[in-house]
Protein backbone atom coordinates (compact mmCIF):
# COMPACT_ATOMS: atom_id res chain seq x y z
CA MET A 1 25.18 24.93 -38.20
CA TYR A 2 26.33 26.64 -35.00
CA SER A 3 23.07 28.14 -34.45
CA ARG A 4 21.52 24.79 -35.05
CA THR A 5 23.90 23.23 -32.14
CA ILE A 6 22.72 25.74 -30.09
CA LYS A 7 19.42 25.38 -30.58
CA ASN A 8 19.40 21.99 -30.18
CA GLN A 9 21.35 22.30 -26.87
CA LYS A 10 18.47 24.80 -25.57
CA LYS A 11 15.94 21.77 -26.49
CA ASN A 12 18.02 19.25 -24.46
CA ILE A 13 18.53 21.43 -21.70
CA VAL A 14 14.23 22.37 -21.41
CA ASN A 15 13.32 18.66 -21.75
CA TYR A 16 16.22 18.07 -19.61
CA ILE A 17 14.38 20.26 -17.27
CA ILE A 18 10.61 19.14 -17.84
CA ASN A 19 11.62 15.64 -16.85
CA VAL A 20 13.42 16.26 -14.09
CA ALA A 21 10.69 18.49 -12.65
CA GLY A 22 7.61 15.69 -13.55
CA ILE A 23 9.42 13.27 -12.02
CA LEU A 24 10.33 15.16 -8.51
CA ILE A 25 6.63 16.28 -9.00
CA ALA A 26 5.98 12.52 -8.98
CA LEU A 27 7.87 12.12 -6.12
CA PHE A 28 6.86 14.68 -3.77
CA PHE A 29 2.92 13.06 -4.10
CA ALA A 30 4.53 9.97 -3.74
CA VAL A 31 5.95 10.92 -0.44
CA SER A 32 2.98 13.00 0.89
CA ILE A 33 0.63 9.93 0.08
CA SER A 34 3.06 7.40 2.23
CA VAL A 35 2.95 10.27 5.13
CA GLN A 36 -0.80 11.00 5.32
CA ASN A 37 -1.15 6.91 5.54
CA PHE A 38 1.38 6.08 7.46
CA HIS A 39 -0.17 4.63 10.18
CA GLU A 40 -2.33 2.32 7.65
CA LEU A 41 0.36 1.11 5.71
CA ASN A 42 2.39 0.59 8.67
CA ASN A 43 -0.23 -2.36 9.74
CA ILE A 44 -0.40 -4.04 6.92
CA ARG A 45 0.22 -7.65 7.07
CA MET A 46 -0.16 -10.57 4.51
CA PRO A 47 3.15 -10.03 2.44
CA ALA A 48 2.02 -13.21 0.32
CA LEU A 49 -1.26 -11.14 -1.03
CA ILE A 50 0.52 -7.94 -1.22
CA ILE A 51 3.79 -9.60 -3.75
CA VAL A 52 1.03 -11.31 -5.28
CA GLY A 53 -0.62 -7.98 -6.21
CA PHE A 54 2.32 -6.46 -7.61
CA VAL A 55 3.04 -9.25 -9.58
CA LEU A 56 -0.57 -8.49 -10.96
CA PHE A 57 0.80 -4.75 -11.14
CA LEU A 58 3.31 -5.46 -13.23
CA ILE A 59 1.84 -7.78 -15.64
CA THR A 60 -1.45 -5.31 -16.02
CA HIS A 61 1.44 -2.51 -16.95
CA PHE A 62 3.41 -4.88 -19.30
CA ILE A 63 0.37 -5.30 -21.30
CA LYS A 64 -0.29 -1.52 -21.26
CA LEU A 65 3.37 -1.16 -22.68
CA ILE A 66 2.84 -3.54 -25.14
CA ARG A 67 -0.95 -2.11 -26.53
CA LEU A 68 0.76 1.89 -26.73
CA TYR A 69 3.81 0.33 -28.38
CA ILE A 70 1.60 -1.36 -31.12
CA ILE A 71 -0.50 1.97 -31.48
CA MET A 72 2.66 3.55 -31.59
CA MET A 73 4.45 1.05 -34.06
CA GLY A 74 4.12 3.55 -37.28
CA MET A 75 6.34 5.99 -35.38
CA ASN A 76 9.33 3.50 -35.64
CA ILE A 77 10.41 3.85 -32.11
CA ARG A 78 13.15 1.57 -31.20
CA PHE A 79 11.88 -0.59 -28.03
CA GLU A 80 14.88 -0.05 -25.74
CA HIS A 81 13.95 3.67 -26.12
CA PHE A 82 10.06 2.87 -25.99
CA LEU A 83 10.43 0.89 -22.58
CA PRO A 84 12.61 3.84 -19.83
CA PHE A 85 9.71 6.39 -21.63
CA TYR A 86 6.93 3.90 -20.21
CA ILE A 87 8.20 3.38 -17.02
CA LYS A 88 8.75 7.24 -16.30
CA THR A 89 5.76 8.49 -17.75
CA THR A 90 3.88 5.84 -15.65
CA PHE A 91 5.27 6.71 -12.43
CA VAL A 92 4.55 10.13 -13.29
CA ASN A 93 0.94 9.48 -14.00
CA ILE A 94 0.30 7.24 -11.31
CA MET A 95 1.35 9.66 -8.71
CA ILE A 96 -0.03 13.07 -9.79
CA PRO A 97 -3.91 13.29 -9.08
CA TYR A 98 -6.49 14.10 -11.45
CA LYS A 99 -4.36 12.37 -14.52
CA LEU A 100 -2.36 15.50 -14.80
CA GLY A 101 0.11 13.11 -15.48
CA GLU A 102 -0.92 12.75 -19.37
CA LEU A 103 0.45 16.10 -19.94
CA PHE A 104 3.89 14.93 -19.00
CA ARG A 105 3.11 11.77 -20.87
CA PHE A 106 2.10 13.85 -24.06
CA TYR A 107 5.34 15.94 -23.93
CA CYS A 108 7.60 12.86 -23.78
CA LEU A 109 5.85 10.89 -26.09
CA SER A 110 6.21 13.88 -28.58
CA GLN A 111 9.74 13.94 -27.64
CA GLU A 112 10.11 10.58 -28.82
CA THR A 113 8.41 10.65 -31.97
CA GLY A 114 9.14 14.27 -33.19
CA ASP A 115 5.31 14.89 -34.00
CA TYR A 116 2.96 16.44 -31.19
CA LYS A 117 0.03 15.75 -33.46
CA THR A 118 0.47 11.75 -33.57
CA ALA A 119 1.64 11.61 -29.89
CA GLY A 120 -1.42 13.49 -28.79
CA LEU A 121 -3.74 10.98 -30.85
CA GLY A 122 -1.68 8.21 -29.78
CA ILE A 123 -2.42 8.76 -26.00
CA ILE A 124 -6.07 9.60 -26.89
CA THR A 125 -6.58 6.46 -28.94
CA GLU A 126 -5.41 4.43 -25.67
CA ARG A 127 -7.85 6.28 -23.36
CA PHE A 128 -10.23 5.94 -25.64
CA PHE A 129 -9.60 1.88 -25.96
CA ASP A 130 -9.31 1.73 -22.52
CA THR A 131 -12.56 3.79 -21.72
CA ILE A 132 -14.76 1.84 -24.14
CA VAL A 133 -13.61 -1.54 -22.65
CA LEU A 134 -13.93 -0.57 -19.06
CA PHE A 135 -17.73 1.00 -20.01
CA ALA A 136 -18.79 -2.37 -21.37
CA ILE A 137 -17.59 -4.32 -18.39
CA ILE A 138 -19.06 -2.22 -15.92
CA LEU A 139 -22.17 -0.96 -17.17
CA PRO A 140 -24.06 -4.25 -17.42
CA ILE A 141 -22.74 -4.71 -14.14
CA GLN A 142 -24.14 -1.90 -12.84
CA ILE A 143 -27.62 -2.32 -14.67
CA PHE A 144 -27.98 -6.35 -13.48
CA THR A 145 -27.02 -5.57 -9.87
CA SER A 146 -28.08 -2.06 -8.73
CA SER A 147 -30.21 -1.08 -11.74
CA HIS A 148 -29.37 2.11 -11.21
CA VAL A 149 -26.73 3.92 -14.08
CA SER A 150 -25.03 7.05 -13.13
CA ALA A 151 -25.64 10.17 -15.85
CA PHE A 152 -22.02 10.70 -16.21
CA SER A 153 -21.34 7.39 -17.14
CA LEU A 154 -24.23 7.39 -19.86
CA VAL A 155 -23.09 10.47 -21.05
CA LEU A 156 -19.56 9.47 -21.55
CA PHE A 157 -19.85 6.23 -22.55
CA GLY A 158 -22.53 8.49 -25.32
CA LEU A 159 -20.01 10.50 -26.37
CA LEU A 160 -17.70 7.80 -26.68
CA VAL A 161 -20.07 5.87 -29.39
CA VAL A 162 -20.52 9.43 -31.30
CA ALA A 163 -16.62 9.32 -31.68
CA PHE A 164 -16.70 6.25 -32.81
CA ILE A 165 -19.55 6.47 -35.40
CA VAL A 166 -17.35 10.02 -36.74
CA TYR A 167 -14.77 7.74 -37.22
CA THR A 168 -16.38 5.12 -39.14
CA THR A 169 -18.21 7.73 -41.01
CA PHE A 170 -15.55 10.26 -41.75
CA PRO A 171 -14.28 9.13 -45.37
CA ALA A 172 -18.24 9.38 -46.52
CA LEU A 173 -18.85 12.86 -44.65
CA TYR A 174 -15.88 13.69 -46.28
CA ALA A 175 -16.11 13.32 -49.72
CA TYR A 176 -19.54 14.77 -49.53
CA PHE A 177 -18.83 17.93 -48.11
CA ASN A 178 -15.54 18.55 -50.39
CA HIS A 179 -17.30 17.73 -53.22
CA PHE A 180 -19.96 20.31 -52.15
CA TRP A 181 -17.90 22.88 -51.28
CA VAL A 182 -15.93 22.39 -54.17
CA PHE A 183 -18.49 22.37 -56.69
CA ASN A 184 -21.49 24.62 -54.82
CA ARG A 185 -19.83 27.31 -53.11
CA LEU A 186 -16.65 28.93 -54.63
CA THR A 187 -16.06 31.82 -51.81
CA LYS A 188 -13.63 32.70 -49.17
CA ARG A 189 -16.00 30.83 -46.71
CA SER A 190 -16.10 27.97 -48.24
CA ASN A 191 -11.78 28.17 -48.67
CA ARG A 192 -11.63 28.21 -45.27
CA PHE A 193 -13.94 25.29 -44.47
CA LEU A 194 -12.01 23.43 -47.27
CA LYS A 195 -8.79 23.84 -44.97
CA ALA A 196 -10.36 23.13 -42.10
CA LEU A 197 -11.85 20.08 -43.95
CA GLU A 198 -8.67 18.94 -45.19
CA ALA A 199 -6.87 19.55 -41.35
CA LEU A 200 -9.80 16.94 -40.14
CA ASN A 201 -8.50 14.44 -42.90
CA ASP A 202 -5.19 14.71 -41.80
CA LEU A 203 -5.72 13.79 -38.22
CA TYR A 204 -8.04 10.83 -39.41
CA ARG A 205 -5.28 9.57 -41.97
CA THR A 206 -3.07 9.94 -38.75
CA GLU A 207 -5.59 8.08 -36.48
CA LYS A 208 -6.03 5.41 -39.09
CA LYS A 209 -2.33 4.71 -39.43
CA LEU A 210 -2.19 4.35 -35.40
CA VAL A 211 -5.20 1.59 -35.54
CA HIS A 212 -5.10 0.10 -38.88
CA LYS A 213 -5.38 -3.57 -38.79
CA ARG A 214 -4.53 -3.23 -34.65
CA ALA A 215 -7.47 -2.31 -33.38
CA VAL A 216 -8.81 -6.23 -32.35
CA THR A 217 -5.61 -6.57 -30.81
CA ILE A 218 -6.02 -3.33 -28.98
CA ILE A 219 -8.86 -4.24 -27.98
CA PHE A 220 -7.82 -7.73 -26.59
CA LEU A 221 -4.74 -6.18 -24.94
CA SER A 222 -7.57 -3.42 -23.06
CA VAL A 223 -9.90 -6.31 -21.66
CA LEU A 224 -6.86 -8.41 -20.63
CA SER A 225 -5.12 -5.27 -18.95
CA TRP A 226 -8.64 -4.37 -17.08
CA GLY A 227 -9.17 -7.88 -15.99
CA PHE A 228 -5.33 -7.78 -14.19
CA ASP A 229 -6.46 -4.21 -12.94
CA PHE A 230 -9.55 -5.49 -11.01
CA GLY A 231 -7.44 -8.30 -9.70
CA VAL A 232 -4.51 -5.55 -8.46
CA LEU A 233 -8.11 -3.76 -6.86
CA TYR A 234 -9.43 -6.42 -5.06
CA ILE A 235 -6.29 -7.57 -3.75
CA PHE A 236 -5.31 -4.38 -2.23
CA ASN A 237 -8.53 -3.79 -0.96
CA TYR A 238 -8.76 -6.98 0.87
CA VAL A 239 -5.29 -6.26 2.49
CA LEU A 240 -6.34 -2.50 3.53
CA LYS A 241 -9.20 -3.82 5.10
CA GLY A 242 -7.40 -6.38 6.95
CA GLY A 243 -8.40 -9.08 5.21
CA GLN A 244 -12.39 -8.57 5.29
CA ARG A 245 -13.99 -9.39 1.83
CA ALA A 246 -13.49 -6.35 -0.76
CA GLY A 247 -15.50 -5.08 -3.33
CA VAL A 248 -14.17 -3.76 -6.87
CA PHE A 249 -17.27 -2.13 -7.97
């Protein structure tokens, strides 16, 4: 009992240190960005538009908060715990470049759920729907306006489509390969393959639990959040350009 208490105390200390470090790093980047762009920020006018943009920004993240909460609903996280988690990790994620803040989000979500696997799949699921909706919006625009789509966009979109196909066909593939290796290849190698197959099936079951009967809602919220996101981008581009017409894409 005493050793368990010591272990929990050490875990809490590590958790506290990681949380403080993540927030301090995010604050460092926030201050650095403000100092580097002080002249431009100091000359910004049109406060009414800035307020509108900020309100749209809050609406966008409220929608994203609800979307992630719906994805993680099966983990029975209380909303009053989920809200501060989202605010904290979103701030860190916005401020730290190259999406490295996702690692912080993954760590914090795994602490909330007590399950690294579910936390990781939850974040991947959120990013999957976010990205595929984004591509569904911008690819037609790029095709019809510039007749040019970057190779990176096509490759990434292709990978998303492949991931979707693998997910939808996995039960049939699992049944086929499980039957094949059990009845035709009873070797040490087949045992290793079956263990790997079971691990994949475990991931599939966890992922299905996250999106079952929620996919349409998640897609709708993703479309809605991108709509507000584009509005925020347009407004702040317009303000930063001193009232000149601004584009989003």
